[in-house]
Amino acid sequence: MGGGVVGVCCAYFLAKRGARVTVLERDQVGKAASYGNAGSIAPGHPPIESGLESAKKETGTISRYGFHPAVVSGEALREREPAINDRVIGGVFYPEAATVNPYQFVMEMAQRAEHHGVKLKTAAGVVALRTVEGHVRGVQAQNGELIEADSVVLAGGA
């Protein structure tokens, strides 16, 4: 359920691994929460603890996953972005971070998902989960259609 970035990416990777997948989207693919997000792809996140020392510790953690964060001084940050306040003593640069057009990304992933056999159904909101003996076995669409499934991914965001 959900034709945004999470639902479409789940569908793509499940189908690529051989699963039969149907995505039900209540409106149009990529036109809800995924349409209006910032499109940031960030390998890290703001430090949980405050301060540069905490950020330095997190670079070690992130590096173990193949990313290449670099701790930089405040001066080096201001060379990259002069508007950074003089009180900033340093930060972390993530060279793998990027920004994408979120709508284009979702639409491209949807096309690739379809290439792997995913069925995309639009204007197909879900009104109920179908359960059998306490296990989810499908969904009921707004139009009354019952769709059987071994598993259901709930990826509605907006």
Protein backbone atom coordinates (compact mmCIF):
# COMPACT_ATOMS: atom_id res chain seq x y z
CA MET A 1 0.00 0.00 0.00
CA GLY A 2 1.47 3.33 -1.02
CA GLY A 3 2.99 4.50 -4.28
CA GLY A 4 5.58 6.87 -2.87
CA VAL A 5 9.31 6.43 -2.47
CA VAL A 6 9.06 3.76 0.25
CA GLY A 7 6.32 1.72 -1.39
CA VAL A 8 7.82 1.85 -4.87
CA CYS A 9 11.34 1.02 -3.65
CA CYS A 10 10.03 -1.90 -1.58
CA ALA A 11 8.11 -3.13 -4.62
CA TYR A 12 11.17 -2.84 -6.86
CA PHE A 13 13.50 -4.76 -4.54
CA LEU A 14 10.91 -7.44 -3.69
CA ALA A 15 10.13 -8.01 -7.37
CA LYS A 16 13.81 -8.08 -8.23
CA ARG A 17 14.13 -10.97 -5.78
CA GLY A 18 11.28 -12.85 -7.43
CA ALA A 19 8.20 -11.80 -5.44
CA ARG A 20 4.91 -11.10 -7.19
CA VAL A 21 4.07 -7.51 -6.19
CA THR A 22 1.08 -5.22 -6.61
CA VAL A 23 1.27 -1.61 -5.43
CA LEU A 24 -2.02 0.05 -4.53
CA GLU A 25 -1.90 3.84 -4.57
CA ARG A 26 -4.97 5.85 -3.55
CA ASP A 27 -4.14 8.68 -5.96
CA GLN A 28 -1.20 8.84 -8.40
CA VAL A 29 2.23 7.29 -7.96
CA GLY A 30 4.69 9.75 -6.46
CA LYS A 31 2.19 12.60 -6.00
CA ALA A 32 1.72 12.67 -2.20
CA ALA A 33 4.36 12.94 0.55
CA SER A 34 7.17 11.87 -1.79
CA TYR A 35 6.34 14.68 -4.19
CA GLY A 36 6.93 17.42 -1.65
CA ASN A 37 9.97 16.19 0.24
CA ALA A 38 13.41 17.75 0.05
CA GLY A 39 14.99 14.90 -1.91
CA SER A 40 17.95 14.59 0.44
CA ILE A 41 20.04 11.44 0.35
CA ALA A 42 22.07 11.50 3.53
CA PRO A 43 24.33 8.70 4.74
CA GLY A 44 24.38 10.18 8.23
CA HIS A 45 22.20 12.19 10.53
CA PRO A 46 22.68 14.99 13.03
CA PRO A 47 24.63 13.76 16.05
CA ILE A 48 22.43 12.33 18.79
CA GLU A 49 24.65 13.93 21.40
CA SER A 50 25.62 17.55 20.99
CA GLY A 51 29.07 18.69 20.03
CA LEU A 52 31.81 18.04 17.56
CA GLU A 53 33.27 15.15 19.59
CA SER A 54 30.00 13.26 19.22
CA ALA A 55 29.99 13.93 15.47
CA LYS A 56 33.55 12.61 15.25
CA LYS A 57 32.50 9.37 16.97
CA GLU A 58 29.63 8.93 14.54
CA THR A 59 31.95 9.25 11.54
CA GLY A 60 33.63 6.05 12.71
CA THR A 61 30.31 4.24 12.83
CA ILE A 62 29.24 5.48 9.40
CA SER A 63 32.65 4.63 7.89
CA ARG A 64 32.10 0.96 8.73
CA TYR A 65 29.25 0.96 6.21
CA GLY A 66 31.41 2.14 3.31
CA PHE A 67 30.83 5.88 3.59
CA HIS A 68 33.65 8.41 3.77
CA PRO A 69 32.70 11.20 6.17
CA ALA A 70 35.37 13.79 6.89
CA VAL A 71 35.63 15.91 10.02
CA VAL A 72 36.42 19.47 8.94
CA SER A 73 37.33 22.61 10.83
CA GLY A 74 35.11 25.67 11.03
CA GLU A 75 37.55 27.47 8.75
CA ALA A 76 37.29 24.72 6.12
CA LEU A 77 33.49 24.82 6.38
CA ARG A 78 33.49 28.58 5.77
CA GLU A 79 35.68 28.08 2.69
CA ARG A 80 32.92 25.83 1.31
CA GLU A 81 30.09 28.06 2.55
CA PRO A 82 31.00 31.62 3.61
CA ALA A 83 27.63 32.16 5.32
CA ILE A 84 28.52 29.73 8.12
CA ASN A 85 28.80 31.61 11.42
CA ASP A 86 32.28 32.21 12.90
CA ARG A 87 31.17 30.47 16.12
CA VAL A 88 30.95 27.12 14.30
CA ILE A 89 34.13 25.24 15.23
CA GLY A 90 33.73 22.32 12.84
CA GLY A 91 31.46 19.76 11.31
CA VAL A 92 31.28 16.65 9.20
CA PHE A 93 31.30 16.57 5.40
CA TYR A 94 29.57 13.61 3.74
CA PRO A 95 30.85 13.31 0.15
CA GLU A 96 28.22 10.65 -0.65
CA ALA A 97 25.33 12.93 0.29
CA ALA A 98 23.21 14.16 -2.60
CA THR A 99 19.95 15.77 -3.56
CA VAL A 100 17.55 14.33 -6.13
CA ASN A 101 14.27 15.42 -7.63
CA PRO A 102 11.98 13.22 -5.51
CA TYR A 103 9.19 12.93 -8.08
CA GLN A 104 11.57 11.95 -10.89
CA PHE A 105 13.23 9.41 -8.58
CA VAL A 106 9.91 7.77 -7.65
CA MET A 107 8.75 7.68 -11.26
CA GLU A 108 12.03 6.11 -12.44
CA MET A 109 11.84 3.51 -9.67
CA ALA A 110 8.21 2.80 -10.61
CA GLN A 111 9.23 2.16 -14.24
CA ARG A 112 12.01 -0.15 -13.11
CA ALA A 113 9.62 -1.93 -10.74
CA GLU A 114 7.17 -2.49 -13.60
CA HIS A 115 10.04 -3.85 -15.68
CA HIS A 116 10.46 -6.49 -12.95
CA GLY A 117 6.76 -7.36 -13.08
CA VAL A 118 5.27 -5.07 -10.44
CA LYS A 119 1.62 -4.11 -11.05
CA LEU A 120 0.89 -0.48 -10.17
CA LYS A 121 -2.76 0.28 -9.46
CA THR A 122 -3.66 3.94 -9.06
CA ALA A 123 -6.89 5.40 -7.68
CA ALA A 124 -6.91 2.24 -5.57
CA GLY A 125 -7.06 3.28 -1.94
CA VAL A 126 -7.11 0.58 0.70
CA VAL A 127 -9.89 0.62 3.28
CA ALA A 128 -9.11 -2.51 5.29
CA LEU A 129 -6.58 -5.22 5.90
CA ARG A 130 -7.91 -8.72 5.36
CA THR A 131 -6.94 -11.07 8.18
CA VAL A 132 -7.27 -14.81 8.57
CA GLU A 133 -6.67 -16.35 12.00
CA GLY A 134 -4.83 -13.24 13.13
CA HIS A 135 -2.55 -13.02 10.08
CA VAL A 136 -2.76 -10.39 7.34
CA ARG A 137 -3.68 -12.13 4.09
CA GLY A 138 -4.57 -9.21 1.85
CA VAL A 139 -6.39 -5.92 1.59
CA GLN A 140 -9.76 -4.56 0.59
CA ALA A 141 -9.64 -1.70 -1.91
CA GLN A 142 -12.06 1.25 -1.90
CA ASN A 143 -13.88 -0.24 -4.88
CA GLY A 144 -14.62 -3.38 -2.82
CA GLU A 145 -12.01 -5.55 -4.55
CA LEU A 146 -10.35 -8.09 -2.25
CA ILE A 147 -6.70 -8.62 -3.06
CA GLU A 148 -5.11 -11.72 -1.57
CA ALA A 149 -1.49 -11.53 -0.41
CA ASP A 150 1.03 -13.53 1.57
CA SER A 151 2.44 -10.24 2.90
CA VAL A 152 1.41 -6.59 2.93
CA VAL A 153 3.78 -3.62 3.11
CA LEU A 154 2.18 -0.55 4.67
CA ALA A 155 3.92 2.39 3.00
CA GLY A 156 1.26 5.11 3.00
CA GLY A 157 2.83 8.38 4.04
CA ALA A 158 0.49 11.30 3.45
